[in-house]
Amino acid sequence: MIGSLRGRLLIKRPDNLIVEAGGVGYQVNVPLSMLSDLPEEGRDVFLHIYTHVREDAFQLYGFTDEGGKKIFMLLLGVTGIGPKAALNILSGISPSGLMKAVETEDVSALTRLPGLGKKTAERLVLELRGKLPARAEGAGPKDMLYEDALSALLNFGYRRPDALEAVEKAHKKGYSTIEGLLKEALRLLTGASGEK
């Protein structure tokens, strides 16, 4: 199995690349949303690779970071989602957008993706809920604070979409400590007065 690939980017197309490594040109399928993260043709590139082997094909799927590859592999674990469908999903929505849509159970956002019907979108939410990373790789202190507040509200028994919305609103109001975020999110969830 090929796990990563470093080489010269020979050709950059909307759905795949040709990367030359050791005199061999590898065709690598990539999500459309990733193209802006890639260097110009002729430059060196490093990709995290998922290798898909079938009886009739040996295909490489590339990602600029490990997080993108992990999300792609999680998508493959969803019933009815193969590599092509997973790539289409990641071409139409960023990993963070996908995480948010799953967290908030936003089926309508997912059905706007090409080739994704309502039943598949609902299954995707059902099977990925709680499996996606809480935030993108390399989350900073602000993200950790956000996740801690969200986790606390979930432990209090609030539904994930409601808790997520309350934490986002509290964060936008400028609360930057766990105590402040939680206090404001709880105030929003319980409908208490005292607008800031």
Protein backbone atom coordinates (compact mmCIF):
# COMPACT_ATOMS: atom_id res chain seq x y z
CA MET A 1 0.00 0.00 0.00
CA ILE A 2 1.15 3.53 -0.74
CA GLY A 3 0.68 5.78 2.30
CA SER A 4 2.30 8.98 1.04
CA LEU A 5 3.85 10.38 -2.10
CA ARG A 6 6.52 13.03 -2.57
CA GLY A 7 7.46 14.14 -6.04
CA ARG A 8 7.16 16.73 -8.78
CA LEU A 9 3.67 17.89 -9.71
CA LEU A 10 3.58 17.39 -13.48
CA ILE A 11 -0.11 17.95 -14.26
CA LYS A 12 -2.88 19.51 -12.20
CA ARG A 13 -6.48 18.83 -13.32
CA PRO A 14 -9.76 19.54 -11.50
CA ASP A 15 -10.14 15.91 -10.38
CA ASN A 16 -6.64 14.41 -10.49
CA LEU A 17 -2.92 15.06 -10.58
CA ILE A 18 0.08 13.42 -12.12
CA VAL A 19 2.96 13.31 -9.64
CA GLU A 20 6.35 12.08 -10.82
CA ALA A 21 8.37 10.17 -8.22
CA GLY A 22 11.39 8.04 -9.06
CA GLY A 23 10.75 8.35 -12.80
CA VAL A 24 7.15 7.10 -12.51
CA GLY A 25 4.10 9.33 -13.04
CA TYR A 26 1.39 8.50 -10.49
CA GLN A 27 -2.19 9.54 -11.19
CA VAL A 28 -3.71 10.74 -7.91
CA ASN A 29 -7.42 11.54 -7.52
CA VAL A 30 -7.97 14.64 -5.38
CA PRO A 31 -10.97 16.65 -4.15
CA LEU A 32 -11.62 19.79 -6.18
CA SER A 33 -11.61 21.87 -2.99
CA MET A 34 -7.94 20.96 -2.41
CA LEU A 35 -6.56 22.36 -5.69
CA SER A 36 -5.90 25.82 -4.23
CA ASP A 37 -3.66 24.24 -1.55
CA LEU A 38 -1.36 22.70 -4.17
CA PRO A 39 1.81 24.23 -5.61
CA GLU A 40 2.17 25.20 -9.27
CA GLU A 41 2.98 22.55 -11.87
CA GLY A 42 6.68 21.71 -11.91
CA ARG A 43 7.07 22.17 -8.14
CA ASP A 44 7.53 19.51 -5.46
CA VAL A 45 4.45 18.26 -3.65
CA PHE A 46 3.79 15.95 -0.69
CA LEU A 47 0.50 14.08 -0.44
CA HIS A 48 -1.05 11.75 2.13
CA ILE A 49 -2.33 8.83 0.06
CA TYR A 50 -5.22 6.42 0.43
CA THR A 51 -4.72 3.38 -1.84
CA HIS A 52 -7.89 1.74 -3.15
CA VAL A 53 -7.42 -1.71 -4.69
CA ARG A 54 -10.10 -3.55 -6.65
CA GLU A 55 -9.89 -6.49 -9.03
CA ASP A 56 -9.90 -4.17 -12.02
CA ALA A 57 -8.24 -1.03 -10.61
CA PHE A 58 -5.48 0.34 -8.39
CA GLN A 59 -6.38 3.93 -7.50
CA LEU A 60 -4.63 6.57 -5.42
CA TYR A 61 -6.49 9.32 -3.55
CA GLY A 62 -4.39 12.22 -2.29
CA PHE A 63 -4.75 14.84 0.44
CA THR A 64 -2.54 17.73 1.53
CA ASP A 65 -3.03 16.89 5.21
CA GLU A 66 -3.62 13.82 7.34
CA GLY A 67 -6.96 15.20 8.56
CA GLY A 68 -8.42 15.20 5.03
CA LYS A 69 -7.33 11.60 4.53
CA LYS A 70 -8.89 10.54 7.86
CA ILE A 71 -12.23 12.14 6.97
CA PHE A 72 -12.12 10.47 3.53
CA MET A 73 -11.57 7.09 5.21
CA LEU A 74 -14.45 7.74 7.65
CA LEU A 75 -16.71 8.55 4.69
CA LEU A 76 -15.77 5.20 3.14
CA GLY A 77 -17.09 3.52 6.29
CA VAL A 78 -20.59 4.90 5.64
CA THR A 79 -22.94 2.39 4.01
CA GLY A 80 -23.27 3.13 0.30
CA ILE A 81 -20.34 5.58 0.08
CA GLY A 82 -17.45 4.49 -2.13
CA PRO A 83 -14.24 6.35 -3.01
CA LYS A 84 -15.81 8.29 -5.89
CA ALA A 85 -18.76 9.45 -3.76
CA ALA A 86 -16.45 10.33 -0.84
CA LEU A 87 -14.28 12.39 -3.19
CA ASN A 88 -17.37 14.17 -4.57
CA ILE A 89 -18.47 15.03 -1.02
CA LEU A 90 -15.05 16.50 -0.16
CA SER A 91 -15.02 18.35 -3.50
CA GLY A 92 -18.26 20.09 -2.60
CA ILE A 93 -17.70 20.86 1.08
CA SER A 94 -14.66 21.56 3.23
CA PRO A 95 -13.78 19.09 6.02
CA SER A 96 -14.82 21.71 8.61
CA GLY A 97 -18.10 22.31 6.72
CA LEU A 98 -18.77 18.58 6.68
CA MET A 99 -18.02 18.31 10.42
CA LYS A 100 -20.41 21.17 11.14
CA ALA A 101 -23.17 19.72 8.93
CA VAL A 102 -22.88 16.36 10.72
CA GLU A 103 -22.68 17.95 14.21
CA THR A 104 -25.78 20.08 13.58
CA GLU A 105 -27.57 17.30 11.67
CA ASP A 106 -27.94 19.68 8.71
CA VAL A 107 -29.22 17.19 6.11
CA SER A 108 -30.30 19.98 3.73
CA ALA A 109 -26.70 21.27 3.49
CA LEU A 110 -25.52 17.77 2.63
CA THR A 111 -28.21 17.18 -0.01
CA ARG A 112 -26.92 20.25 -1.88
CA LEU A 113 -23.75 18.26 -2.64
CA PRO A 114 -23.69 16.66 -6.11
CA GLY A 115 -24.95 13.08 -6.14
CA LEU A 116 -26.01 13.02 -2.48
CA GLY A 117 -29.70 12.27 -1.94
CA LYS A 118 -31.70 12.77 1.25
CA LYS A 119 -31.50 9.14 2.41
CA THR A 120 -27.73 8.97 1.92
CA ALA A 121 -27.31 12.34 3.67
CA GLU A 122 -29.37 11.13 6.63
CA ARG A 123 -27.35 7.90 6.79
CA LEU A 124 -24.13 9.93 6.63
CA VAL A 125 -25.23 12.05 9.62
CA LEU A 126 -26.37 8.97 11.55
CA GLU A 127 -23.21 6.93 10.93
CA LEU A 128 -20.66 9.77 11.30
CA ARG A 129 -22.12 11.49 14.35
CA GLY A 130 -19.49 11.35 17.08
CA LYS A 131 -16.85 9.83 14.77
CA LEU A 132 -15.55 12.94 13.02
CA PRO A 133 -12.77 14.88 14.73
CA ALA A 134 -14.26 17.70 16.78
CA ARG A 135 -12.21 20.28 14.91
CA ALA A 136 -9.58 20.31 12.22
CA GLU A 137 -6.10 18.95 12.96
CA GLY A 138 -3.89 21.26 14.96
CA ALA A 139 -6.71 22.91 16.88
CA GLY A 140 -5.56 25.88 18.91
CA PRO A 141 -6.44 26.91 22.48
CA LYS A 142 -9.60 28.70 21.28
CA ASP A 143 -10.83 25.50 19.62
CA MET A 144 -10.05 23.44 22.72
CA LEU A 145 -12.03 25.90 24.85
CA TYR A 146 -14.93 25.69 22.40
CA GLU A 147 -14.85 21.87 22.46
CA ASP A 148 -14.65 21.74 26.27
CA ALA A 149 -17.74 23.96 26.57
CA LEU A 150 -19.60 21.88 23.99
CA SER A 151 -18.65 18.67 25.78
CA ALA A 152 -19.86 20.04 29.13
CA LEU A 153 -23.25 20.98 27.66
CA LEU A 154 -23.62 17.53 26.12
CA ASN A 155 -22.85 16.01 29.52
CA PHE A 156 -25.62 18.20 30.98
CA GLY A 157 -27.99 16.42 28.58
CA TYR A 158 -28.50 19.08 25.90
CA ARG A 159 -28.92 17.95 22.27
CA ARG A 160 -25.77 18.43 20.18
CA PRO A 161 -27.32 20.86 17.64
CA ASP A 162 -28.72 23.07 20.44
CA ALA A 163 -25.48 22.99 22.43
CA LEU A 164 -23.41 23.77 19.33
CA GLU A 165 -25.59 26.76 18.45
CA ALA A 166 -25.45 28.13 22.00
CA VAL A 167 -21.65 27.81 22.22
CA GLU A 168 -21.25 29.49 18.82
CA LYS A 169 -23.47 32.41 19.86
CA ALA A 170 -21.63 32.77 23.18
CA HIS A 171 -18.28 32.67 21.40
CA LYS A 172 -19.38 35.37 18.91
CA LYS A 173 -20.37 37.59 21.85
CA GLY A 174 -16.73 37.57 22.94
CA TYR A 175 -16.70 35.15 25.86
CA SER A 176 -13.18 33.71 25.98
CA THR A 177 -13.03 31.62 29.17
CA ILE A 178 -14.63 28.24 29.79
CA GLU A 179 -16.69 29.74 32.63
CA GLY A 180 -17.90 32.65 30.49
CA LEU A 181 -18.71 30.45 27.49
CA LEU A 182 -20.62 27.94 29.61
CA LYS A 183 -22.51 30.56 31.62
CA GLU A 184 -23.63 32.42 28.47
CA ALA A 185 -24.44 29.20 26.56
CA LEU A 186 -26.56 27.97 29.50
CA ARG A 187 -28.31 31.35 29.68
CA LEU A 188 -29.12 31.06 25.96
CA LEU A 189 -30.30 27.46 26.30
CA THR A 190 -32.56 28.18 29.29
CA GLY A 191 -33.87 31.43 27.78
CA ALA A 192 -32.77 33.51 30.80
CA SER A 193 -32.75 37.27 30.34
CA GLY A 194 -29.75 39.56 30.56
CA GLU A 195 -28.55 40.23 27.00
CA LYS A 196 -24.96 41.36 26.91
